[in-house]
PDB file of N, CA and C in Angstrom:
ATOM      1  N   MET A   1      64.634  70.891  92.809  1.00  0.00           N
ATOM      2  CA  MET A   1      65.292  72.130  93.160  1.00  0.00           C
ATOM      3  C   MET A   1      65.925  72.698  91.892  1.00  0.00           C
ATOM      4  N   THR A   2      65.518  73.903  91.523  1.00  0.00           N
ATOM      5  CA  THR A   2      65.991  74.487  90.279  1.00  0.00           C
ATOM      6  C   THR A   2      67.168  75.433  90.472  1.00  0.00           C
ATOM      7  N   GLY A   3      67.272  76.082  91.614  1.00  0.00           N
ATOM      8  CA  GLY A   3      68.352  77.045  91.869  1.00  0.00           C
ATOM      9  C   GLY A   3      69.536  76.380  92.537  1.00  0.00           C
ATOM     10  N   PRO A   4      70.659  77.104  92.634  1.00  0.00           N
ATOM     11  CA  PRO A   4      71.834  76.530  93.298  1.00  0.00           C
ATOM     12  C   PRO A   4      71.579  76.376  94.801  1.00  0.00           C
ATOM     13  N   ASP A   5      72.136  75.337  95.351  1.00  0.00           N
ATOM     14  CA  ASP A   5      72.017  75.089  96.782  1.00  0.00           C
ATOM     15  C   ASP A   5      72.891  76.099  97.520  1.00  0.00           C
ATOM     16  N   ILE A   6      72.324  76.791  98.505  1.00  0.00           N
ATOM     17  CA  ILE A   6      73.064  77.827  99.234  1.00  0.00           C
ATOM     18  C   ILE A   6      74.294  77.255  99.934  1.00  0.00           C
ATOM     19  N   LEU A   7      74.238  75.982 100.326  1.00  0.00           N
ATOM     20  CA  LEU A   7      75.389  75.367 100.992  1.00  0.00           C
ATOM     21  C   LEU A   7      76.517  75.055 100.014  1.00  0.00           C
ATOM     22  N   ASP A   8      76.185  74.905  98.740  1.00  0.00           N
ATOM     23  CA  ASP A   8      77.201  74.605  97.729  1.00  0.00           C
ATOM     24  C   ASP A   8      77.765  75.865  97.079  1.00  0.00           C
ATOM     25  N   ASP A   9      77.197  77.024  97.357  1.00  0.00           N
ATOM     26  CA  ASP A   9      77.647  78.274  96.739  1.00  0.00           C
ATOM     27  C   ASP A   9      78.925  78.749  97.429  1.00  0.00           C
ATOM     28  N   THR A  10      80.018  78.811  96.682  1.00  0.00           N
ATOM     29  CA  THR A  10      81.318  79.208  97.243  1.00  0.00           C
ATOM     30  C   THR A  10      81.748  80.600  96.792  1.00  0.00           C
ATOM     31  N   THR A  11      80.841  81.368  96.223  1.00  0.00           N
ATOM     32  CA  THR A  11      81.179  82.700  95.722  1.00  0.00           C
ATOM     33  C   THR A  11      81.733  83.588  96.830  1.00  0.00           C
ATOM     34  N   ASP A  12      81.071  83.608  97.996  1.00  0.00           N
ATOM     35  CA  ASP A  12      81.550  84.447  99.097  1.00  0.00           C
ATOM     36  C   ASP A  12      82.923  84.013  99.581  1.00  0.00           C
ATOM     37  N   ASP A  13      83.153  82.697  99.635  1.00  0.00           N
ATOM     38  CA  ASP A  13      84.460  82.190 100.047  1.00  0.00           C
ATOM     39  C   ASP A  13      85.552  82.648  99.083  1.00  0.00           C
ATOM     40  N   TYR A  14      85.272  82.567  97.808  1.00  0.00           N
ATOM     41  CA  TYR A  14      86.238  82.983  96.796  1.00  0.00           C
ATOM     42  C   TYR A  14      86.555  84.466  96.934  1.00  0.00           C
ATOM     43  N   GLU A  15      85.523  85.295  97.131  1.00  0.00           N
ATOM     44  CA  GLU A  15      85.738  86.736  97.267  1.00  0.00           C
ATOM     45  C   GLU A  15      86.554  87.052  98.514  1.00  0.00           C
ATOM     46  N   ARG A  16      86.280  86.353  99.619  1.00  0.00           N
ATOM     47  CA  ARG A  16      87.068  86.573 100.845  1.00  0.00           C
ATOM     48  C   ARG A  16      88.519  86.157 100.631  1.00  0.00           C
ATOM     49  N   LEU A  17      88.738  85.023  99.960  1.00  0.00           N
ATOM     50  CA  LEU A  17      90.096  84.561  99.681  1.00  0.00           C
ATOM     51  C   LEU A  17      90.824  85.565  98.785  1.00  0.00           C
ATOM     52  N   GLU A  18      90.156  86.025  97.764  1.00  0.00           N
ATOM     53  CA  GLU A  18      90.774  86.992  96.844  1.00  0.00           C
ATOM     54  C   GLU A  18      91.144  88.280  97.582  1.00  0.00           C
ATOM     55  N   THR A  19      90.252  88.763  98.437  1.00  0.00           N
ATOM     56  CA  THR A  19      90.518  89.979  99.223  1.00  0.00           C
ATOM     57  C   THR A  19      91.719  89.764 100.134  1.00  0.00           C
ATOM     58  N   GLU A  20      91.791  88.614 100.772  1.00  0.00           N
ATOM     59  CA  GLU A  20      92.910  88.300 101.661  1.00  0.00           C
ATOM     60  C   GLU A  20      94.225  88.233 100.884  1.00  0.00           C
ATOM     61  N   LEU A  21      94.228  87.619  99.720  1.00  0.00           N
ATOM     62  CA  LEU A  21      95.448  87.523  98.916  1.00  0.00           C
ATOM     63  C   LEU A  21      95.922  88.896  98.440  1.00  0.00           C
ATOM     64  N   VAL A  22      94.992  89.748  98.054  1.00  0.00           N
ATOM     65  CA  VAL A  22      95.354  91.105  97.642  1.00  0.00           C
ATOM     66  C   VAL A  22      95.969  91.858  98.821  1.00  0.00           C
ATOM     67  N   ALA A  23      95.381  91.715 100.006  1.00  0.00           N
ATOM     68  CA  ALA A  23      95.918  92.381 101.198  1.00  0.00           C
ATOM     69  C   ALA A  23      97.316  91.870 101.524  1.00  0.00           C
ATOM     70  N   GLN A  24      97.543  90.565 101.385  1.00  0.00           N
ATOM     71  CA  GLN A  24      98.873  90.014 101.643  1.00  0.00           C
ATOM     72  C   GLN A  24      99.892  90.538 100.642  1.00  0.00           C
ATOM     73  N   ASP A  25      99.508  90.644  99.386  1.00  0.00           N
ATOM     74  CA  ASP A  25     100.407  91.183  98.368  1.00  0.00           C
ATOM     75  C   ASP A  25     100.769  92.628  98.690  1.00  0.00           C
ATOM     76  N   ARG A  26      99.780  93.394  99.086  1.00  0.00           N
ATOM     77  CA  ARG A  26     100.004  94.795  99.426  1.00  0.00           C
ATOM     78  C   ARG A  26     100.949  94.911 100.614  1.00  0.00           C
ATOM     79  N   ASP A  27     100.733  94.066 101.641  1.00  0.00           N
ATOM     80  CA  ASP A  27     101.604  94.097 102.809  1.00  0.00           C
ATOM     81  C   ASP A  27     103.029  93.708 102.455  1.00  0.00           C
ATOM     82  N   ALA A  28     103.193  92.737 101.581  1.00  0.00           N
ATOM     83  CA  ALA A  28     104.531  92.297 101.191  1.00  0.00           C
ATOM     84  C   ALA A  28     105.261  93.371 100.398  1.00  0.00           C
ATOM     85  N   ALA A  29     104.532  94.191  99.675  1.00  0.00           N
ATOM     86  CA  ALA A  29     105.145  95.230  98.847  1.00  0.00           C
ATOM     87  C   ALA A  29     105.505  96.469  99.654  1.00  0.00           C
ATOM     88  N   ARG A  30     104.937  96.613 100.820  1.00  0.00           N
ATOM     89  CA  ARG A  30     105.203  97.807 101.628  1.00  0.00           C
ATOM     90  C   ARG A  30     106.593  97.772 102.228  1.00  0.00           C
ATOM     91  N   VAL A  31     107.156  98.938 102.382  1.00  0.00           N
ATOM     92  CA  VAL A  31     108.457  99.066 103.022  1.00  0.00           C
ATOM     93  C   VAL A  31     108.221  99.332 104.497  1.00  0.00           C
ATOM     94  N   SER A  32     108.902  98.596 105.329  1.00  0.00           N
ATOM     95  CA  SER A  32     108.743  98.795 106.764  1.00  0.00           C
ATOM     96  C   SER A  32     109.469 100.063 107.181  1.00  0.00           C
ATOM     97  N   THR A  33     108.758 100.911 107.902  1.00  0.00           N
ATOM     98  CA  THR A  33     109.375 102.135 108.406  1.00  0.00           C
ATOM     99  C   THR A  33     109.444 102.121 109.926  1.00  0.00           C
ATOM    100  N   ALA A  34     108.917 101.078 110.534  1.00  0.00           N
ATOM    101  CA  ALA A  34     108.895 101.001 111.984  1.00  0.00           C
ATOM    102  C   ALA A  34     110.294 100.811 112.561  1.00  0.00           C
ATOM    103  N   ASP A  35     111.218 100.320 111.762  1.00  0.00           N
ATOM    104  CA  ASP A  35     112.563 100.047 112.265  1.00  0.00           C
ATOM    105  C   ASP A  35     113.519 101.221 112.091  1.00  0.00           C
ATOM    106  N   VAL A  36     113.001 102.415 111.829  1.00  0.00           N
ATOM    107  CA  VAL A  36     113.852 103.587 111.650  1.00  0.00           C
ATOM    108  C   VAL A  36     114.091 104.220 113.020  1.00  0.00           C
ATOM    109  N   ASP A  37     115.259 103.970 113.576  1.00  0.00           N
ATOM    110  CA  ASP A  37     115.604 104.636 114.829  1.00  0.00           C
ATOM    111  C   ASP A  37     116.407 105.890 114.503  1.00  0.00           C
ATOM    112  N   GLU A  38     116.729 106.665 115.511  1.00  0.00           N
ATOM    113  CA  GLU A  38     117.399 107.945 115.256  1.00  0.00           C
ATOM    114  C   GLU A  38     118.767 107.761 114.615  1.00  0.00           C
ATOM    115  N   ARG A  39     119.493 106.737 115.027  1.00  0.00           N
ATOM    116  CA  ARG A  39     120.830 106.501 114.471  1.00  0.00           C
ATOM    117  C   ARG A  39     120.754 106.172 112.973  1.00  0.00           C
ATOM    118  N   SER A  40     119.854 105.252 112.599  1.00  0.00           N
ATOM    119  CA  SER A  40     119.747 104.899 111.177  1.00  0.00           C
ATOM    120  C   SER A  40     119.170 106.057 110.368  1.00  0.00           C
ATOM    121  N   ALA A  41     118.269 106.829 110.978  1.00  0.00           N
ATOM    122  CA  ALA A  41     117.709 108.001 110.292  1.00  0.00           C
ATOM    123  C   ALA A  41     118.804 109.030 110.023  1.00  0.00           C
ATOM    124  N   ARG A  42     119.628 109.275 111.008  1.00  0.00           N
ATOM    125  CA  ARG A  42     120.718 110.247 110.851  1.00  0.00           C
ATOM    126  C   ARG A  42     121.696 109.794 109.771  1.00  0.00           C
ATOM    127  N   ARG A  43     122.006 108.497 109.764  1.00  0.00           N
ATOM    128  CA  ARG A  43     122.932 107.953 108.755  1.00  0.00           C
ATOM    129  C   ARG A  43     122.337 108.114 107.343  1.00  0.00           C
ATOM    130  N   LEU A  44     121.047 107.784 107.188  1.00  0.00           N
ATOM    131  CA  LEU A  44     120.391 107.907 105.892  1.00  0.00           C
ATOM    132  C   LEU A  44     120.351 109.364 105.437  1.00  0.00           C
ATOM    133  N   VAL A  45     119.978 110.262 106.339  1.00  0.00           N
ATOM    134  CA  VAL A  45     119.884 111.678 105.969  1.00  0.00           C
ATOM    135  C   VAL A  45     121.257 112.237 105.626  1.00  0.00           C
ATOM    136  N   ASP A  46     122.287 111.828 106.348  1.00  0.00           N
ATOM    137  CA  ASP A  46     123.650 112.268 106.002  1.00  0.00           C
ATOM    138  C   ASP A  46     124.018 111.829 104.581  1.00  0.00           C
ATOM    139  N   GLU A  47     123.660 110.582 104.229  1.00  0.00           N
ATOM    140  CA  GLU A  47     123.932 110.103 102.873  1.00  0.00           C
ATOM    141  C   GLU A  47     123.137 110.894 101.836  1.00  0.00           C
ATOM    142  N   LEU A  48     121.879 111.212 102.163  1.00  0.00           N
ATOM    143  CA  LEU A  48     121.038 111.975 101.233  1.00  0.00           C
ATOM    144  C   LEU A  48     121.566 113.389 101.038  1.00  0.00           C
ATOM    145  N   ILE A  49     122.110 113.973 102.093  1.00  0.00           N
ATOM    146  CA  ILE A  49     122.704 115.316 101.981  1.00  0.00           C
ATOM    147  C   ILE A  49     123.935 115.248 101.074  1.00  0.00           C
ATOM    148  N   GLU A  50     124.784 114.221 101.272  1.00  0.00           N
ATOM    149  CA  GLU A  50     125.971 114.061 100.432  1.00  0.00           C
ATOM    150  C   GLU A  50     125.604 113.857  98.965  1.00  0.00           C
ATOM    151  N   ASP A  51     124.482 113.182  98.711  1.00  0.00           N
ATOM    152  CA  ASP A  51     124.039 112.896  97.344  1.00  0.00           C
ATOM    153  C   ASP A  51     123.170 114.019  96.759  1.00  0.00           C
ATOM    154  N   ASP A  52     123.049 115.124  97.474  1.00  0.00           N
ATOM    155  CA  ASP A  52     122.240 116.280  97.047  1.00  0.00           C
ATOM    156  C   ASP A  52     120.761 115.947  96.855  1.00  0.00           C
ATOM    157  N   VAL A  53     120.284 114.971  97.598  1.00  0.00           N
ATOM    158  CA  VAL A  53     118.859 114.640  97.577  1.00  0.00           C
ATOM    159  C   VAL A  53     118.135 115.470  98.630  1.00  0.00           C
ATOM    160  N   VAL A  54     118.855 115.826  99.703  1.00  0.00           N
ATOM    161  CA  VAL A  54     118.314 116.638 100.788  1.00  0.00           C
ATOM    162  C   VAL A  54     119.185 117.870 100.946  1.00  0.00           C
ATOM    163  N   THR A  55     118.510 119.002 101.115  1.00  0.00           N
ATOM    164  CA  THR A  55     119.216 120.261 101.326  1.00  0.00           C
ATOM    165  C   THR A  55     118.862 120.812 102.703  1.00  0.00           C
ATOM    166  N   PRO A  56     119.869 120.999 103.573  1.00  0.00           N
ATOM    167  CA  PRO A  56     119.582 121.623 104.870  1.00  0.00           C
ATOM    168  C   PRO A  56     119.407 123.133 104.704  1.00  0.00           C
ATOM    169  N   VAL A  57     118.445 123.685 105.428  1.00  0.00           N
ATOM    170  CA  VAL A  57     118.227 125.137 105.454  1.00  0.00           C
ATOM    171  C   VAL A  57     118.444 125.560 106.905  1.00  0.00           C
ATOM    172  N   PRO A  58     119.700 125.890 107.255  1.00  0.00           N
ATOM    173  CA  PRO A  58     120.049 126.127 108.655  1.00  0.00           C
ATOM    174  C   PRO A  58     119.264 127.256 109.325  1.00  0.00           C
ATOM    175  N   ASP A  59     119.036 128.362 108.624  1.00  0.00           N
ATOM    176  CA  ASP A  59     118.361 129.481 109.278  1.00  0.00           C
ATOM    177  C   ASP A  59     116.898 129.180 109.605  1.00  0.00           C
ATOM    178  N   GLN A  60     116.303 128.214 108.914  1.00  0.00           N
ATOM    179  CA  GLN A  60     114.923 127.809 109.204  1.00  0.00           C
ATOM    180  C   GLN A  60     114.862 126.485 109.969  1.00  0.00           C
ATOM    181  N   ARG A  61     116.020 125.862 110.150  1.00  0.00           N
ATOM    182  CA  ARG A  61     116.138 124.581 110.848  1.00  0.00           C
ATOM    183  C   ARG A  61     115.252 123.508 110.232  1.00  0.00           C
ATOM    184  N   ILE A  62     115.311 123.414 108.900  1.00  0.00           N
ATOM    185  CA  ILE A  62     114.557 122.396 108.187  1.00  0.00           C
ATOM    186  C   ILE A  62     115.457 121.680 107.195  1.00  0.00           C
ATOM    187  N   LEU A  63     114.987 120.547 106.732  1.00  0.00           N
ATOM    188  CA  LEU A  63     115.646 119.771 105.694  1.00  0.00           C
ATOM    189  C   LEU A  63     114.657 119.633 104.549  1.00  0.00           C
ATOM    190  N   VAL A  64     115.093 119.951 103.333  1.00  0.00           N
ATOM    191  CA  VAL A  64     114.209 119.889 102.172  1.00  0.00           C
ATOM    192  C   VAL A  64     114.563 118.667 101.338  1.00  0.00           C
ATOM    193  N   HIS A  65     113.574 117.838 101.124  1.00  0.00           N
ATOM    194  CA  HIS A  65     113.713 116.655 100.265  1.00  0.00           C
ATOM    195  C   HIS A  65     113.512 117.146  98.844  1.00  0.00           C
ATOM    196  N   GLU A  66     114.601 117.320  98.110  1.00  0.00           N
ATOM    197  CA  GLU A  66     114.571 117.980  96.806  1.00  0.00           C
ATOM    198  C   GLU A  66     113.661 117.323  95.759  1.00  0.00           C
ATOM    199  N   PRO A  67     113.681 115.985  95.621  1.00  0.00           N
ATOM    200  CA  PRO A  67     112.839 115.406  94.566  1.00  0.00           C
ATOM    201  C   PRO A  67     111.343 115.668  94.757  1.00  0.00           C
ATOM    202  N   SER A  68     110.904 115.764  96.013  1.00  0.00           N
ATOM    203  CA  SER A  68     109.474 115.962  96.273  1.00  0.00           C
ATOM    204  C   SER A  68     109.150 117.396  96.647  1.00  0.00           C
ATOM    205  N   GLY A  69     110.154 118.153  97.099  1.00  0.00           N
ATOM    206  CA  GLY A  69     109.913 119.527  97.544  1.00  0.00           C
ATOM    207  C   GLY A  69     109.379 119.624  98.964  1.00  0.00           C
ATOM    208  N   GLU A  70     109.284 118.502  99.670  1.00  0.00           N
ATOM    209  CA  GLU A  70     108.769 118.490 101.043  1.00  0.00           C
ATOM    210  C   GLU A  70     109.853 118.943 102.013  1.00  0.00           C
ATOM    211  N   ALA A  71     109.431 119.681 103.055  1.00  0.00           N
ATOM    212  CA  ALA A  71     110.357 120.166 104.078  1.00  0.00           C
ATOM    213  C   ALA A  71     110.049 119.475 105.405  1.00  0.00           C
ATOM    214  N   PHE A  72     111.106 119.172 106.161  1.00  0.00           N
ATOM    215  CA  PHE A  72     110.974 118.461 107.428  1.00  0.00           C
ATOM    216  C   PHE A  72     111.815 119.132 108.493  1.00  0.00           C
ATOM    217  N   ASP A  73     111.301 119.107 109.729  1.00  0.00           N
ATOM    218  CA  ASP A  73     112.091 119.603 110.855  1.00  0.00           C
ATOM    219  C   ASP A  73     112.558 118.446 111.739  1.00  0.00           C
ATOM    220  N   SER A  74     112.317 117.232 111.283  1.00  0.00           N
ATOM    221  CA  SER A  74     112.727 116.039 112.013  1.00  0.00           C
ATOM    222  C   SER A  74     113.487 115.099 111.086  1.00  0.00           C
ATOM    223  N   ILE A  75     114.640 114.667 111.533  1.00  0.00           N
ATOM    224  CA  ILE A  75     115.453 113.737 110.748  1.00  0.00           C
ATOM    225  C   ILE A  75     114.716 112.415 110.571  1.00  0.00           C
ATOM    226  N   THR A  76     114.080 111.937 111.635  1.00  0.00           N
ATOM    227  CA  THR A  76     113.370 110.660 111.566  1.00  0.00           C
ATOM    228  C   THR A  76     112.197 110.746 110.600  1.00  0.00           C
ATOM    229  N   GLN A  77     111.431 111.827 110.664  1.00  0.00           N
ATOM    230  CA  GLN A  77     110.314 111.977 109.725  1.00  0.00           C
ATOM    231  C   GLN A  77     110.805 112.000 108.284  1.00  0.00           C
ATOM    232  N   LEU A  78     111.898 112.689 108.048  1.00  0.00           N
ATOM    233  CA  LEU A  78     112.467 112.741 106.701  1.00  0.00           C
ATOM    234  C   LEU A  78     112.909 111.355 106.241  1.00  0.00           C
ATOM    235  N   ALA A  79     113.566 110.601 107.114  1.00  0.00           N
ATOM    236  CA  ALA A  79     114.033 109.261 106.755  1.00  0.00           C
ATOM    237  C   ALA A  79     112.857 108.343 106.422  1.00  0.00           C
ATOM    238  N   VAL A  80     111.819 108.386 107.239  1.00  0.00           N
ATOM    239  CA  VAL A  80     110.637 107.554 106.985  1.00  0.00           C
ATOM    240  C   VAL A  80     109.986 107.974 105.672  1.00  0.00           C
ATOM    241  N   PHE A  81     109.847 109.285 105.463  1.00  0.00           N
ATOM    242  CA  PHE A  81     109.256 109.790 104.227  1.00  0.00           C
ATOM    243  C   PHE A  81     110.063 109.325 103.022  1.00  0.00           C
ATOM    244  N   HIS A  82     111.388 109.466 103.090  1.00  0.00           N
ATOM    245  CA  HIS A  82     112.220 109.108 101.948  1.00  0.00           C
ATOM    246  C   HIS A  82     112.107 107.615 101.643  1.00  0.00           C
ATOM    247  N   ARG A  83     112.067 106.776 102.662  1.00  0.00           N
ATOM    248  CA  ARG A  83     111.914 105.338 102.421  1.00  0.00           C
ATOM    249  C   ARG A  83     110.604 105.047 101.702  1.00  0.00           C
ATOM    250  N   GLY A  84     109.522 105.673 102.158  1.00  0.00           N
ATOM    251  CA  GLY A  84     108.226 105.481 101.511  1.00  0.00           C
ATOM    252  C   GLY A  84     108.214 106.040 100.102  1.00  0.00           C
ATOM    253  N   TRP A  85     108.813 107.200  99.930  1.00  0.00           N
ATOM    254  CA  TRP A  85     108.886 107.849  98.619  1.00  0.00           C
ATOM    255  C   TRP A  85     109.660 106.973  97.644  1.00  0.00           C
ATOM    256  N   ARG A  86     110.788 106.454  98.103  1.00  0.00           N
ATOM    257  CA  ARG A  86     111.632 105.584  97.267  1.00  0.00           C
ATOM    258  C   ARG A  86     110.868 104.312  96.896  1.00  0.00           C
ATOM    259  N   ALA A  87     110.163 103.726  97.854  1.00  0.00           N
ATOM    260  CA  ALA A  87     109.400 102.502  97.594  1.00  0.00           C
ATOM    261  C   ALA A  87     108.312 102.768  96.557  1.00  0.00           C
ATOM    262  N   ALA A  88     107.655 103.892  96.667  1.00  0.00           N
ATOM    263  CA  ALA A  88     106.603 104.243  95.698  1.00  0.00           C
ATOM    264  C   ALA A  88     107.206 104.433  94.302  1.00  0.00           C
ATOM    265  N   ARG A  89     108.339 105.093  94.229  1.00  0.00           N
ATOM    266  CA  ARG A  89     109.004 105.300  92.941  1.00  0.00           C
ATOM    267  C   ARG A  89     109.445 103.962  92.331  1.00  0.00           C
ATOM    268  N   ASP A  90     109.981 103.082  93.170  1.00  0.00           N
ATOM    269  CA  ASP A  90     110.410 101.766  92.686  1.00  0.00           C
ATOM    270  C   ASP A  90     109.213 100.958  92.194  1.00  0.00           C
ATOM    271  N   ALA A  91     108.086 101.058  92.892  1.00  0.00           N
ATOM    272  CA  ALA A  91     106.877 100.338  92.489  1.00  0.00           C
ATOM    273  C   ALA A  91     106.349 100.858  91.155  1.00  0.00           C
ATOM    274  N   GLU A  92     106.458 102.165  90.930  1.00  0.00           N
ATOM    275  CA  GLU A  92     106.030 102.749  89.656  1.00  0.00           C
ATOM    276  C   GLU A  92     106.888 102.262  88.497  1.00  0.00           C
ATOM    277  N   ASP A  93     108.174 102.044  88.778  1.00  0.00           N
ATOM    278  CA  ASP A  93     109.101 101.606  87.739  1.00  0.00           C
ATOM    279  C   ASP A  93     108.877 100.152  87.337  1.00  0.00           C
ATOM    280  N   ASN A  94     108.255  99.370  88.232  1.00  0.00           N
ATOM    281  CA  ASN A  94     108.023  97.940  87.927  1.00  0.00           C
ATOM    282  C   ASN A  94     106.755  97.752  87.224  1.00  0.00           C
TER     283      ASN A  94
END
């Protein structure tokens, strides 16, 4: 037998393991946004308004996330967005 034995070839196993490890790393680096309830969202947005990160536009009933320029009509959507935005910025800095 001149070629490698198909039963001894572990290339596919290695590639599957590598793919799984990369996926686990990605999952560990993600920020969970599923735990953002209305109370925590309101608290976060209030802090962002105080820190001039978010600007309310009362006549349009929207909140503008100043660093990104994105506008939101939902406090929860803004809180989830800001958490993801912050996580992405932190990942870029590392």
